C-alpha atoms as a PDB file:
ATOM      1  CA  UNK A   1      95.989 -66.357-130.465  1.00  0.00           C
ATOM      2  CA  UNK A   2      98.319 -67.874-127.947  1.00  0.00           C
ATOM      3  CA  UNK A   3      99.511 -71.404-128.355  1.00  0.00           C
ATOM      4  CA  UNK A   4      97.569 -73.798-126.107  1.00  0.00           C
ATOM      5  CA  UNK A   5      99.491 -75.363-123.259  1.00  0.00           C
ATOM      6  CA  UNK A   6      98.939 -78.774-121.715  1.00  0.00           C
ATOM      7  CA  UNK A   7      97.440 -77.029-118.679  1.00  0.00           C
ATOM      8  CA  UNK A   8      95.014 -74.934-120.755  1.00  0.00           C
ATOM      9  CA  UNK A   9      93.973 -77.954-122.814  1.00  0.00           C
ATOM     10  CA  UNK A  10      93.487 -80.018-119.648  1.00  0.00           C
ATOM     11  CA  UNK A  11      91.268 -77.283-118.214  1.00  0.00           C
ATOM     12  CA  UNK A  12      89.184 -77.152-121.410  1.00  0.00           C
ATOM     13  CA  UNK A  13      88.750 -80.947-121.349  1.00  0.00           C
ATOM     14  CA  UNK A  14      87.736 -80.811-117.668  1.00  0.00           C
ATOM     15  CA  UNK A  15      85.083 -78.169-118.426  1.00  0.00           C
ATOM     16  CA  UNK A  16      83.697 -80.240-121.314  1.00  0.00           C
ATOM     17  CA  UNK A  17      83.543 -83.340-119.104  1.00  0.00           C
ATOM     18  CA  UNK A  18      81.749 -81.378-116.375  1.00  0.00           C
ATOM     19  CA  UNK A  19      79.229 -79.995-118.881  1.00  0.00           C
ATOM     20  CA  UNK A  20      78.506 -83.593-119.869  1.00  0.00           C
ATOM     21  CA  UNK A  21      77.929 -84.549-116.219  1.00  0.00           C
ATOM     22  CA  UNK A  22      75.625 -81.556-115.641  1.00  0.00           C
ATOM     23  CA  UNK A  23      73.681 -82.563-118.752  1.00  0.00           C
ATOM     24  CA  UNK A  24      73.523 -86.141-117.453  1.00  0.00           C
ATOM     25  CA  UNK A  25      72.110 -84.948-114.100  1.00  0.00           C
ATOM     26  CA  UNK A  26      69.427 -82.929-115.878  1.00  0.00           C
ATOM     27  CA  UNK A  27      68.582 -85.815-118.224  1.00  0.00           C
ATOM     28  CA  UNK A  28      68.242 -88.147-115.235  1.00  0.00           C
ATOM     29  CA  UNK A  29      65.944 -85.668-113.498  1.00  0.00           C
ATOM     30  CA  UNK A  30      63.655 -85.472-116.545  1.00  0.00           C
ATOM     31  CA  UNK A  31      63.679 -89.240-117.105  1.00  0.00           C
ATOM     32  CA  UNK A  32      62.604 -89.792-113.498  1.00  0.00           C
ATOM     33  CA  UNK A  33      59.883 -87.137-113.754  1.00  0.00           C
ATOM     34  CA  UNK A  34      58.566 -89.023-116.796  1.00  0.00           C
ATOM     35  CA  UNK A  35      57.958 -92.138-114.693  1.00  0.00           C
ATOM     36  CA  UNK A  36      56.546 -90.607-111.500  1.00  0.00           C
ATOM     37  CA  UNK A  37      53.807 -93.034-110.575  1.00  0.00           C
ATOM     38  CA  UNK A  38      52.003 -94.493-107.595  1.00  0.00           C
ATOM     39  CA  UNK A  39      54.594 -95.784-105.142  1.00  0.00           C
ATOM     40  CA  UNK A  40      57.594 -94.273-106.979  1.00  0.00           C
ATOM     41  CA  UNK A  41      60.751 -94.279-104.812  1.00  0.00           C
ATOM     42  CA  UNK A  42      61.431 -90.560-104.485  1.00  0.00           C
ATOM     43  CA  UNK A  43      64.843 -91.125-102.883  1.00  0.00           C
ATOM     44  CA  UNK A  44      66.253 -91.793-106.364  1.00  0.00           C
ATOM     45  CA  UNK A  45      65.006 -88.402-107.558  1.00  0.00           C
ATOM     46  CA  UNK A  46      66.059 -86.624-104.362  1.00  0.00           C
ATOM     47  CA  UNK A  47      69.619 -87.952-104.773  1.00  0.00           C
ATOM     48  CA  UNK A  48      69.915 -85.428-107.616  1.00  0.00           C
ATOM     49  CA  UNK A  49      69.455 -82.445-105.239  1.00  0.00           C
ATOM     50  CA  UNK A  50      71.756 -80.765-102.728  1.00  0.00           C
ATOM     51  CA  UNK A  51      70.565 -80.752 -99.096  1.00  0.00           C
ATOM     52  CA  UNK A  52      69.739 -77.028 -99.296  1.00  0.00           C
ATOM     53  CA  UNK A  53      68.204 -77.156-102.791  1.00  0.00           C
ATOM     54  CA  UNK A  54      65.368 -74.892-103.917  1.00  0.00           C
ATOM     55  CA  UNK A  55      62.684 -75.992-106.413  1.00  0.00           C
ATOM     56  CA  UNK A  56      60.711 -73.036-107.698  1.00  0.00           C
ATOM     57  CA  UNK A  57      57.952 -72.168-110.103  1.00  0.00           C
ATOM     58  CA  UNK A  58      58.489 -68.598-111.299  1.00  0.00           C
ATOM     59  CA  UNK A  59      56.448 -66.120-113.284  1.00  0.00           C
ATOM     60  CA  UNK A  60      52.739 -65.359-113.087  1.00  0.00           C
ATOM     61  CA  UNK A  61      51.465 -68.872-113.800  1.00  0.00           C
ATOM     62  CA  UNK A  62      54.041 -71.217-112.256  1.00  0.00           C
ATOM     63  CA  UNK A  63      54.689 -69.203-109.073  1.00  0.00           C
ATOM     64  CA  UNK A  64      50.982 -69.627-108.316  1.00  0.00           C
ATOM     65  CA  UNK A  65      50.625 -73.208-109.608  1.00  0.00           C
ATOM     66  CA  UNK A  66      53.787 -74.716-108.114  1.00  0.00           C
ATOM     67  CA  UNK A  67      55.173 -72.288-105.552  1.00  0.00           C
ATOM     68  CA  UNK A  68      58.666 -72.680-104.082  1.00  0.00           C
ATOM     69  CA  UNK A  69      60.187 -75.369-101.875  1.00  0.00           C
ATOM     70  CA  UNK A  70      63.396 -75.076 -99.865  1.00  0.00           C
ATOM     71  CA  UNK A  71      65.374 -78.125 -98.782  1.00  0.00           C
ATOM     72  CA  UNK A  72      65.132 -81.774 -99.779  1.00  0.00           C
ATOM     73  CA  UNK A  73      62.358 -82.532 -97.297  1.00  0.00           C
ATOM     74  CA  UNK A  74      60.060 -79.831 -98.712  1.00  0.00           C
ATOM     75  CA  UNK A  75      60.887 -80.822-102.307  1.00  0.00           C
ATOM     76  CA  UNK A  76      60.161 -84.471-101.480  1.00  0.00           C
ATOM     77  CA  UNK A  77      56.755 -83.525-100.050  1.00  0.00           C
ATOM     78  CA  UNK A  78      55.948 -81.568-103.225  1.00  0.00           C
ATOM     79  CA  UNK A  79      56.811 -84.574-105.416  1.00  0.00           C
ATOM     80  CA  UNK A  80      54.932 -87.003-103.131  1.00  0.00           C
ATOM     81  CA  UNK A  81      51.645 -85.585-104.446  1.00  0.00           C
ATOM     82  CA  UNK A  82      52.496 -87.129-107.818  1.00  0.00           C
ATOM     83  CA  UNK A  83      53.079 -90.591-106.341  1.00  0.00           C
ATOM     84  CA  UNK A  84      49.872 -91.061-104.360  1.00  0.00           C
ATOM     85  CA  UNK A  85      47.021 -93.154-105.793  1.00  0.00           C
ATOM     86  CA  UNK A  86      45.530 -92.643-108.228  1.00  0.00           C
ATOM     87  CA  UNK A  87      48.560 -91.836-110.363  1.00  0.00           C
ATOM     88  CA  UNK A  88      48.536 -88.230-111.569  1.00  0.00           C
ATOM     89  CA  UNK A  89      49.974 -89.005-115.022  1.00  0.00           C
ATOM     90  CA  UNK A  90      48.954 -91.667-117.507  1.00  0.00           C
ATOM     91  CA  UNK A  91      51.681 -90.406-119.860  1.00  0.00           C
ATOM     92  CA  UNK A  92      54.369 -87.808-119.250  1.00  0.00           C
ATOM     93  CA  UNK A  93      57.248 -86.936-121.580  1.00  0.00           C
ATOM     94  CA  UNK A  94      59.736 -84.094-121.163  1.00  0.00           C
ATOM     95  CA  UNK A  95      61.856 -82.838-124.068  1.00  0.00           C
ATOM     96  CA  UNK A  96      64.757 -80.431-123.549  1.00  0.00           C
ATOM     97  CA  UNK A  97      66.305 -78.157-126.172  1.00  0.00           C
ATOM     98  CA  UNK A  98      68.241 -74.878-126.588  1.00  0.00           C
ATOM     99  CA  UNK A  99      70.720 -75.913-123.915  1.00  0.00           C
ATOM    100  CA  UNK A 100      73.294 -73.607-122.413  1.00  0.00           C
ATOM    101  CA  UNK A 101      75.665 -74.788-119.655  1.00  0.00           C
ATOM    102  CA  UNK A 102      78.397 -72.718-117.993  1.00  0.00           C
ATOM    103  CA  UNK A 103      80.746 -74.494-115.594  1.00  0.00           C
ATOM    104  CA  UNK A 104      82.928 -72.880-112.931  1.00  0.00           C
ATOM    105  CA  UNK A 105      85.065 -74.768-110.417  1.00  0.00           C
ATOM    106  CA  UNK A 106      82.330 -76.001-108.046  1.00  0.00           C
ATOM    107  CA  UNK A 107      79.183 -74.559-109.628  1.00  0.00           C
ATOM    108  CA  UNK A 108      77.392 -74.638-112.946  1.00  0.00           C
ATOM    109  CA  UNK A 109      74.488 -72.744-114.477  1.00  0.00           C
ATOM    110  CA  UNK A 110      72.232 -74.270-117.099  1.00  0.00           C
ATOM    111  CA  UNK A 111      69.201 -73.206-119.078  1.00  0.00           C
ATOM    112  CA  UNK A 112      66.909 -75.181-121.343  1.00  0.00           C
ATOM    113  CA  UNK A 113      63.638 -74.861-123.171  1.00  0.00           C
ATOM    114  CA  UNK A 114      61.245 -77.586-122.090  1.00  0.00           C
ATOM    115  CA  UNK A 115      58.384 -79.127-124.026  1.00  0.00           C
ATOM    116  CA  UNK A 116      56.142 -81.457-122.029  1.00  0.00           C
ATOM    117  CA  UNK A 117      53.379 -83.713-123.281  1.00  0.00           C
ATOM    118  CA  UNK A 118      51.137 -85.085-120.569  1.00  0.00           C
ATOM    119  CA  UNK A 119      47.938 -87.101-120.270  1.00  0.00           C
ATOM    120  CA  UNK A 120      46.423 -87.021-116.807  1.00  0.00           C
ATOM    121  CA  UNK A 121      44.498 -89.658-114.879  1.00  0.00           C
ATOM    122  CA  UNK A 122      41.257 -87.736-115.479  1.00  0.00           C
ATOM    123  CA  UNK A 123      41.706 -88.122-119.268  1.00  0.00           C
ATOM    124  CA  UNK A 124      42.763 -84.547-120.034  1.00  0.00           C
ATOM    125  CA  UNK A 125      45.926 -83.966-122.051  1.00  0.00           C
ATOM    126  CA  UNK A 126      48.167 -80.939-122.272  1.00  0.00           C
ATOM    127  CA  UNK A 127      51.127 -79.522-124.152  1.00  0.00           C
ATOM    128  CA  UNK A 128      53.313 -77.241-122.046  1.00  0.00           C
ATOM    129  CA  UNK A 129      56.502 -75.300-122.579  1.00  0.00           C
ATOM    130  CA  UNK A 130      58.763 -73.688-120.004  1.00  0.00           C
ATOM    131  CA  UNK A 131      62.147 -72.058-119.671  1.00  0.00           C
ATOM    132  CA  UNK A 132      64.267 -73.898-117.112  1.00  0.00           C
ATOM    133  CA  UNK A 133      67.068 -72.141-115.257  1.00  0.00           C
ATOM    134  CA  UNK A 134      69.044 -74.481-113.038  1.00  0.00           C
ATOM    135  CA  UNK A 135      72.027 -73.963-110.741  1.00  0.00           C
ATOM    136  CA  UNK A 136      74.191 -76.971-109.894  1.00  0.00           C
ATOM    137  CA  UNK A 137      76.794 -77.651-107.232  1.00  0.00           C
ATOM    138  CA  UNK A 138      79.604 -80.181-107.437  1.00  0.00           C
ATOM    139  CA  UNK A 139      79.399 -82.536-104.446  1.00  0.00           C
ATOM    140  CA  UNK A 140      82.317 -84.925-104.471  1.00  0.00           C
ATOM    141  CA  UNK A 141      82.365 -86.113-108.058  1.00  0.00           C
ATOM    142  CA  UNK A 142      78.657 -85.615-108.743  1.00  0.00           C
ATOM    143  CA  UNK A 143      76.770 -82.557-109.938  1.00  0.00           C
ATOM    144  CA  UNK A 144      73.548 -81.921-108.031  1.00  0.00           C
ATOM    145  CA  UNK A 145      70.669 -79.521-108.508  1.00  0.00           C
ATOM    146  CA  UNK A 146      70.934 -76.577-106.125  1.00  0.00           C
ATOM    147  CA  UNK A 147      68.265 -74.256-107.511  1.00  0.00           C
ATOM    148  CA  UNK A 148      65.670 -75.382-110.066  1.00  0.00           C
ATOM    149  CA  UNK A 149      63.431 -72.733-111.651  1.00  0.00           C
ATOM    150  CA  UNK A 150      60.654 -73.374-114.150  1.00  0.00           C
ATOM    151  CA  UNK A 151      58.961 -70.461-115.915  1.00  0.00           C
ATOM    152  CA  UNK A 152      55.881 -71.146-118.045  1.00  0.00           C
ATOM    153  CA  UNK A 153      55.987 -70.086-121.674  1.00  0.00           C
ATOM    154  CA  UNK A 154      52.662 -71.672-122.645  1.00  0.00           C
ATOM    155  CA  UNK A 155      50.207 -74.398-121.671  1.00  0.00           C
ATOM    156  CA  UNK A 156      47.586 -75.722-124.050  1.00  0.00           C
ATOM    157  CA  UNK A 157      44.912 -78.353-123.506  1.00  0.00           C
ATOM    158  CA  UNK A 158      44.810 -81.075-126.154  1.00  0.00           C
ATOM    159  CA  UNK A 159      41.487 -82.644-127.136  1.00  0.00           C
ATOM    160  CA  UNK A 160      42.623 -86.266-127.254  1.00  0.00           C
ATOM    161  CA  UNK A 161      45.144 -88.313-125.255  1.00  0.00           C
ATOM    162  CA  UNK A 162      48.685 -88.260-126.626  1.00  0.00           C
ATOM    163  CA  UNK A 163      48.840 -92.025-126.994  1.00  0.00           C
ATOM    164  CA  UNK A 164      45.841 -93.502-128.773  1.00  0.00           C
ATOM    165  CA  UNK A 165      45.683 -97.297-128.873  1.00  0.00           C
ATOM    166  CA  UNK A 166      45.217 -97.678-132.620  1.00  0.00           C
ATOM    167  CA  UNK A 167      47.183 -99.520-135.249  1.00  0.00           C
ATOM    168  CA  UNK A 168      50.073 -97.513-136.649  1.00  0.00           C
ATOM    169  CA  UNK A 169      49.947 -96.716-140.355  1.00  0.00           C
ATOM    170  CA  UNK A 170      52.643 -98.658-142.210  1.00  0.00           C
ATOM    171  CA  UNK A 171      53.259 -99.343-145.912  1.00  0.00           C
ATOM    172  CA  UNK A 172      51.369-102.323-147.266  1.00  0.00           C
ATOM    173  CA  UNK A 173      53.327-105.402-148.263  1.00  0.00           C
ATOM    174  CA  UNK A 174      53.108-106.242-151.952  1.00  0.00           C
END
């Protein structure tokens, strides 16, 4: 093993910092998707995408369900459906795991496993899982989504809403 130099250590630190920023972009995307509601300001979400971004459902189920959208304007129109009254989601929570991020100079590739719990306006609830493959581009000092792909692993209806308004069980005071 060769002895690290200041330059090689600086490069390694830069890569780690960029991985953190890519992760932050993805976390922001998911947090905003969790609060899509009637009247939501989509410009905040669209700020996370490059001008020529692609948002794409892939595989048998998601290619048909979601389709593909090229450019910010088309992606905005796709997300607008979720912000029109009545609100599509009553509850929506995205959980990411099994992360892998590879950073180059101006690009990064990431993959995650997604678990999503959702309760819809019509009262149905669902548990979904997908594999996310996302390409990022460095614009100025900010990482932005250039190509977002979601591939369904499973979707399962749930018989009751995820959040039931009942008292939480806690230990009794003595």
